[in-house]
């Protein structure tokens, strides 16, 4: 794989992670408002959406082939994640 393609794939993966974390911060802030937080974000309802939007905007500029590779790797990752988690979860009911 050429270094340019690898760099694009790393970039889109990092940006996707940032979008997911930014949205996750908002979801936790709304669902669990009293959860103790070690790290604080000023104006979280402004900063988190702007962070997610800016990362998504940067992702938009990447080539289609990078998006296709992201989708393939994301699906593989989810299959591994849930496949492993269902068999090894400490919360799963063991028979």
Protein backbone atom coordinates (compact mmCIF):
# COMPACT_ATOMS: atom_id res chain seq x y z
CA UNK A 1 0.00 0.00 0.00
CA UNK A 2 1.45 3.39 -0.91
CA UNK A 3 2.26 5.67 2.02
CA UNK A 4 -0.28 8.26 0.82
CA UNK A 5 -3.09 5.68 1.00
CA UNK A 6 -1.95 4.50 4.41
CA UNK A 7 -1.82 8.09 5.65
CA UNK A 8 -5.34 8.75 4.38
CA UNK A 9 -6.61 5.63 6.12
CA UNK A 10 -4.95 6.65 9.39
CA UNK A 11 -6.37 10.15 9.06
CA UNK A 12 -9.94 9.02 8.45
CA UNK A 13 -9.74 6.52 11.31
CA UNK A 14 -8.49 9.15 13.73
CA UNK A 15 -11.09 11.66 12.61
CA UNK A 16 -13.87 9.08 12.95
CA UNK A 17 -12.69 8.29 16.47
CA UNK A 18 -12.79 12.00 17.30
CA UNK A 19 -16.35 12.30 15.96
CA UNK A 20 -17.45 9.29 18.02
CA UNK A 21 -15.81 10.61 21.19
CA UNK A 22 -17.27 14.10 20.73
CA UNK A 23 -20.76 12.68 20.32
CA UNK A 24 -20.19 10.27 23.20
CA UNK A 25 -19.27 13.15 25.50
CA UNK A 26 -22.59 14.81 24.72
CA UNK A 27 -24.57 11.60 25.18
CA UNK A 28 -22.97 10.94 28.57
CA UNK A 29 -23.49 14.54 29.63
CA UNK A 30 -27.22 14.24 28.93
CA UNK A 31 -27.78 10.65 30.12
CA UNK A 32 -25.54 10.78 33.20
CA UNK A 33 -25.44 14.42 34.31
CA UNK A 34 -24.28 13.55 37.86
CA UNK A 35 -21.46 11.22 36.84
CA UNK A 36 -18.17 12.28 38.45
CA UNK A 37 -15.85 13.76 35.82
CA UNK A 38 -12.11 14.01 36.27
CA UNK A 39 -11.68 16.05 33.09
CA UNK A 40 -13.93 18.99 32.34
CA UNK A 41 -14.75 20.65 29.03
CA UNK A 42 -15.71 24.31 29.00
CA UNK A 43 -19.00 24.96 27.17
CA UNK A 44 -19.36 21.26 26.37
CA UNK A 45 -22.60 21.79 24.42
CA UNK A 46 -20.70 24.12 22.06
CA UNK A 47 -17.23 22.55 22.00
CA UNK A 48 -18.28 18.91 21.43
CA UNK A 49 -20.62 19.55 18.47
CA UNK A 50 -18.08 21.90 16.89
CA UNK A 51 -15.38 19.26 17.33
CA UNK A 52 -17.54 16.54 15.78
CA UNK A 53 -18.58 18.83 12.92
CA UNK A 54 -15.03 19.97 12.15
CA UNK A 55 -13.67 16.40 12.14
CA UNK A 56 -16.55 15.25 9.89
CA UNK A 57 -15.86 18.19 7.58
CA UNK A 58 -12.22 17.14 7.28
CA UNK A 59 -13.29 13.54 6.61
CA UNK A 60 -15.45 14.76 3.73
CA UNK A 61 -12.36 15.85 1.80
CA UNK A 62 -10.78 12.39 1.76
CA UNK A 63 -11.05 10.25 -1.39
CA UNK A 64 -13.82 7.68 -1.93
CA UNK A 65 -11.38 4.76 -1.81
CA UNK A 66 -10.43 5.81 1.72
CA UNK A 67 -14.10 5.76 2.74
CA UNK A 68 -14.48 2.29 1.24
CA UNK A 69 -11.47 1.01 3.18
CA UNK A 70 -12.76 2.64 6.36
CA UNK A 71 -16.09 0.88 5.96
CA UNK A 72 -14.41 -2.49 5.41
CA UNK A 73 -12.12 -2.11 8.43
CA UNK A 74 -14.95 -0.75 10.57
CA UNK A 75 -17.13 -3.80 9.80
CA UNK A 76 -14.22 -6.17 10.51
CA UNK A 77 -13.54 -4.35 13.77
CA UNK A 78 -17.18 -4.52 14.89
CA UNK A 79 -17.38 -8.25 14.11
CA UNK A 80 -14.22 -8.91 16.16
CA UNK A 81 -15.33 -6.58 18.97
CA UNK A 82 -18.81 -8.04 19.39
CA UNK A 83 -17.71 -11.61 18.65
CA UNK A 84 -15.07 -11.46 21.37
CA UNK A 85 -17.30 -9.51 23.75
CA UNK A 86 -20.20 -11.94 23.54
CA UNK A 87 -17.97 -14.86 24.44
CA UNK A 88 -15.81 -13.19 27.08
CA UNK A 89 -18.06 -10.62 28.75
CA UNK A 90 -18.19 -10.77 32.54
CA UNK A 91 -21.78 -9.53 32.27
CA UNK A 92 -22.88 -12.37 29.97
CA UNK A 93 -25.01 -15.11 31.45
CA UNK A 94 -22.90 -18.26 31.76
CA UNK A 95 -24.66 -21.63 31.52
